[in-house]
Amino acid sequence: MARKSLIQREKKRQQLEQKYHLIRRSSKKQISKVASLSEKWEIHGKLQSLPRNSAPTRLHRRCFLTGRPRANYRDFQ
């Protein structure tokens, strides 16, 4: 069984990802639409100012029963 602190940390990351999901998505759409490089850098700076743990790549699937991070199936969670 995983430590409780690791499970809570993962839950916190999930909440942050949900909170900043719309901001991230809209910023990435703006980057693709904008033509000038200076505006792209400005929007990129806004993306970097968001919390690091709000990025969806930092999420990790865990078993919902035990909290085990490895060897869990997507179909069964």
N, C-alpha and C. Protein backbone atom coordinates (compact mmCIF):
# COMPACT_ATOMS: atom_id res chain seq x y z
N MET A 1 0.84 -1.18 0.00
CA MET A 1 0.00 0.00 0.00
C MET A 1 0.89 1.23 0.00
N ALA A 2 0.49 2.22 -0.75
CA ALA A 2 1.27 3.45 -0.87
C ALA A 2 1.12 4.30 0.39
N ARG A 3 2.09 5.14 0.59
CA ARG A 3 1.99 6.05 1.74
C ARG A 3 0.87 7.04 1.50
N LYS A 4 0.24 7.43 2.57
CA LYS A 4 -0.91 8.35 2.48
C LYS A 4 -0.49 9.70 1.93
N SER A 5 0.72 10.14 2.24
CA SER A 5 1.16 11.45 1.78
C SER A 5 1.30 11.49 0.25
N LEU A 6 1.73 10.37 -0.34
CA LEU A 6 1.87 10.33 -1.79
C LEU A 6 0.51 10.34 -2.47
N ILE A 7 -0.45 9.67 -1.88
CA ILE A 7 -1.81 9.65 -2.43
C ILE A 7 -2.41 11.05 -2.35
N GLN A 8 -2.22 11.72 -1.22
CA GLN A 8 -2.76 13.07 -1.06
C GLN A 8 -2.08 14.05 -2.02
N ARG A 9 -0.78 13.88 -2.25
CA ARG A 9 -0.07 14.74 -3.18
C ARG A 9 -0.63 14.59 -4.59
N GLU A 10 -0.94 13.35 -4.96
CA GLU A 10 -1.50 13.10 -6.28
C GLU A 10 -2.90 13.70 -6.40
N LYS A 11 -3.69 13.65 -5.35
CA LYS A 11 -5.02 14.26 -5.36
C LYS A 11 -4.91 15.78 -5.51
N LYS A 12 -3.92 16.36 -4.84
CA LYS A 12 -3.71 17.80 -4.94
C LYS A 12 -3.33 18.19 -6.37
N ARG A 13 -2.50 17.37 -7.02
CA ARG A 13 -2.14 17.63 -8.41
C ARG A 13 -3.36 17.55 -9.31
N GLN A 14 -4.24 16.60 -9.06
CA GLN A 14 -5.45 16.46 -9.87
C GLN A 14 -6.34 17.69 -9.72
N GLN A 15 -6.46 18.20 -8.49
CA GLN A 15 -7.28 19.38 -8.27
C GLN A 15 -6.68 20.60 -8.96
N LEU A 16 -5.35 20.75 -8.90
CA LEU A 16 -4.70 21.87 -9.57
C LEU A 16 -4.87 21.77 -11.07
N GLU A 17 -4.77 20.56 -11.61
CA GLU A 17 -4.91 20.38 -13.05
C GLU A 17 -6.31 20.77 -13.50
N GLN A 18 -7.31 20.40 -12.73
CA GLN A 18 -8.69 20.77 -13.07
C GLN A 18 -8.91 22.27 -12.95
N LYS A 19 -8.27 22.88 -11.96
CA LYS A 19 -8.45 24.31 -11.73
C LYS A 19 -7.88 25.15 -12.88
N TYR A 20 -6.71 24.76 -13.38
CA TYR A 20 -6.02 25.56 -14.39
C TYR A 20 -6.18 25.00 -15.80
N HIS A 21 -7.01 23.99 -15.99
CA HIS A 21 -7.17 23.34 -17.29
C HIS A 21 -7.61 24.32 -18.38
N LEU A 22 -8.63 25.11 -18.09
CA LEU A 22 -9.15 26.04 -19.09
C LEU A 22 -8.14 27.14 -19.44
N ILE A 23 -7.42 27.61 -18.44
CA ILE A 23 -6.41 28.65 -18.67
C ILE A 23 -5.30 28.11 -19.57
N ARG A 24 -4.84 26.90 -19.29
CA ARG A 24 -3.80 26.29 -20.11
C ARG A 24 -4.26 26.08 -21.54
N ARG A 25 -5.47 25.55 -21.69
CA ARG A 25 -5.97 25.25 -23.03
C ARG A 25 -6.14 26.52 -23.85
N SER A 26 -6.69 27.57 -23.23
CA SER A 26 -6.89 28.81 -23.98
C SER A 26 -5.55 29.46 -24.34
N SER A 27 -4.57 29.39 -23.44
CA SER A 27 -3.26 29.97 -23.73
C SER A 27 -2.58 29.24 -24.88
N LYS A 28 -2.70 27.92 -24.91
CA LYS A 28 -2.07 27.16 -25.99
C LYS A 28 -2.75 27.43 -27.32
N LYS A 29 -4.07 27.66 -27.31
CA LYS A 29 -4.76 28.02 -28.54
C LYS A 29 -4.31 29.40 -29.03
N GLN A 30 -4.11 30.33 -28.09
CA GLN A 30 -3.66 31.67 -28.46
C GLN A 30 -2.27 31.62 -29.08
N ILE A 31 -1.40 30.77 -28.55
CA ILE A 31 -0.04 30.65 -29.09
C ILE A 31 -0.10 30.18 -30.54
N SER A 32 -0.98 29.24 -30.83
CA SER A 32 -1.05 28.73 -32.20
C SER A 32 -1.66 29.74 -33.17
N LYS A 33 -2.49 30.64 -32.67
CA LYS A 33 -3.14 31.63 -33.54
C LYS A 33 -2.30 32.88 -33.78
N VAL A 34 -1.47 33.25 -32.82
CA VAL A 34 -0.70 34.49 -32.89
C VAL A 34 0.47 34.31 -33.85
N ALA A 35 0.74 35.35 -34.64
CA ALA A 35 1.80 35.27 -35.63
C ALA A 35 3.12 35.86 -35.14
N SER A 36 3.07 36.91 -34.32
CA SER A 36 4.31 37.57 -33.92
C SER A 36 4.99 36.81 -32.79
N LEU A 37 6.30 36.80 -32.86
CA LEU A 37 7.09 36.06 -31.89
C LEU A 37 7.04 36.69 -30.50
N SER A 38 6.98 38.01 -30.43
CA SER A 38 6.96 38.67 -29.12
C SER A 38 5.67 38.36 -28.36
N GLU A 39 4.55 38.27 -29.07
CA GLU A 39 3.30 37.91 -28.40
C GLU A 39 3.32 36.46 -27.95
N LYS A 40 3.95 35.60 -28.74
CA LYS A 40 4.07 34.19 -28.34
C LYS A 40 4.88 34.06 -27.06
N TRP A 41 5.97 34.84 -26.96
CA TRP A 41 6.78 34.81 -25.74
C TRP A 41 5.99 35.30 -24.54
N GLU A 42 5.17 36.31 -24.76
CA GLU A 42 4.36 36.84 -23.66
C GLU A 42 3.36 35.81 -23.16
N ILE A 43 2.69 35.13 -24.08
CA ILE A 43 1.73 34.09 -23.70
C ILE A 43 2.44 32.91 -23.05
N HIS A 44 3.62 32.59 -23.57
CA HIS A 44 4.41 31.50 -23.00
C HIS A 44 4.82 31.82 -21.56
N GLY A 45 5.12 33.09 -21.31
CA GLY A 45 5.45 33.51 -19.94
C GLY A 45 4.28 33.33 -19.00
N LYS A 46 3.05 33.56 -19.50
CA LYS A 46 1.86 33.33 -18.68
C LYS A 46 1.71 31.85 -18.36
N LEU A 47 2.00 31.01 -19.34
CA LEU A 47 1.93 29.57 -19.10
C LEU A 47 2.95 29.14 -18.05
N GLN A 48 4.13 29.70 -18.11
CA GLN A 48 5.16 29.34 -17.15
C GLN A 48 4.87 29.85 -15.75
N SER A 49 4.04 30.89 -15.65
CA SER A 49 3.73 31.43 -14.33
C SER A 49 2.70 30.58 -13.58
N LEU A 50 2.04 29.67 -14.29
CA LEU A 50 1.10 28.76 -13.64
C LEU A 50 1.87 27.76 -12.78
N PRO A 51 1.22 27.20 -11.76
CA PRO A 51 1.91 26.22 -10.92
C PRO A 51 2.39 25.01 -11.73
N ARG A 52 3.54 24.53 -11.39
CA ARG A 52 4.13 23.41 -12.11
C ARG A 52 3.27 22.15 -11.99
N ASN A 53 2.70 21.94 -10.82
CA ASN A 53 1.90 20.74 -10.60
C ASN A 53 0.54 20.81 -11.27
N SER A 54 0.23 21.91 -11.93
CA SER A 54 -1.05 21.99 -12.63
C SER A 54 -0.94 21.45 -14.05
N ALA A 55 0.24 21.03 -14.47
CA ALA A 55 0.42 20.47 -15.80
C ALA A 55 -0.10 19.02 -15.82
N PRO A 56 -0.83 18.65 -16.86
CA PRO A 56 -1.39 17.29 -16.89
C PRO A 56 -0.33 16.20 -17.01
N THR A 57 0.86 16.53 -17.48
CA THR A 57 1.90 15.50 -17.60
C THR A 57 2.46 15.08 -16.25
N ARG A 58 2.21 15.87 -15.22
CA ARG A 58 2.73 15.52 -13.90
C ARG A 58 1.80 14.58 -13.14
N LEU A 59 0.62 14.32 -13.70
CA LEU A 59 -0.29 13.39 -13.05
C LEU A 59 0.19 11.96 -13.26
N HIS A 60 -0.12 11.11 -12.32
CA HIS A 60 0.28 9.72 -12.40
C HIS A 60 -0.90 8.87 -11.97
N ARG A 61 -1.22 7.87 -12.78
CA ARG A 61 -2.34 6.99 -12.41
C ARG A 61 -1.95 6.13 -11.23
N ARG A 62 -2.90 5.92 -10.34
CA ARG A 62 -2.69 5.05 -9.18
C ARG A 62 -3.88 4.13 -9.03
N CYS A 63 -3.64 3.01 -8.40
CA CYS A 63 -4.72 2.09 -8.08
C CYS A 63 -5.66 2.76 -7.09
N PHE A 64 -6.97 2.70 -7.34
CA PHE A 64 -7.89 3.40 -6.46
C PHE A 64 -8.07 2.69 -5.12
N LEU A 65 -7.73 1.40 -5.04
CA LEU A 65 -7.84 0.68 -3.77
C LEU A 65 -6.59 0.85 -2.91
N THR A 66 -5.43 0.58 -3.49
CA THR A 66 -4.21 0.55 -2.71
C THR A 66 -3.33 1.78 -2.88
N GLY A 67 -3.50 2.51 -3.98
CA GLY A 67 -2.66 3.66 -4.25
C GLY A 67 -1.36 3.29 -4.94
N ARG A 68 -1.23 2.05 -5.36
CA ARG A 68 -0.01 1.59 -6.02
C ARG A 68 0.17 2.32 -7.35
N PRO A 69 1.38 2.89 -7.60
CA PRO A 69 1.59 3.67 -8.81
C PRO A 69 1.91 2.85 -10.06
N ARG A 70 2.34 1.61 -9.88
CA ARG A 70 2.75 0.81 -11.03
C ARG A 70 1.84 -0.39 -11.21
N ALA A 71 1.82 -0.88 -12.43
CA ALA A 71 1.09 -2.12 -12.78
C ALA A 71 -0.38 -2.02 -12.45
N ASN A 72 -0.99 -0.89 -12.78
CA ASN A 72 -2.45 -0.82 -12.67
C ASN A 72 -3.03 -0.67 -14.06
N TYR A 73 -4.16 -1.26 -14.26
CA TYR A 73 -4.78 -1.30 -15.58
C TYR A 73 -5.69 -0.11 -15.79
N ARG A 74 -5.67 0.45 -16.98
CA ARG A 74 -6.54 1.58 -17.28
C ARG A 74 -8.01 1.18 -17.21
N ASP A 75 -8.30 -0.01 -17.71
CA ASP A 75 -9.70 -0.46 -17.76
C ASP A 75 -10.28 -0.61 -16.35
N PHE A 76 -9.48 -1.03 -15.41
CA PHE A 76 -9.99 -1.29 -14.06
C PHE A 76 -9.58 -0.20 -13.08
N GLN A 77 -8.79 0.75 -13.51
CA GLN A 77 -8.27 1.86 -12.69
C GLN A 77 -7.39 1.32 -11.59
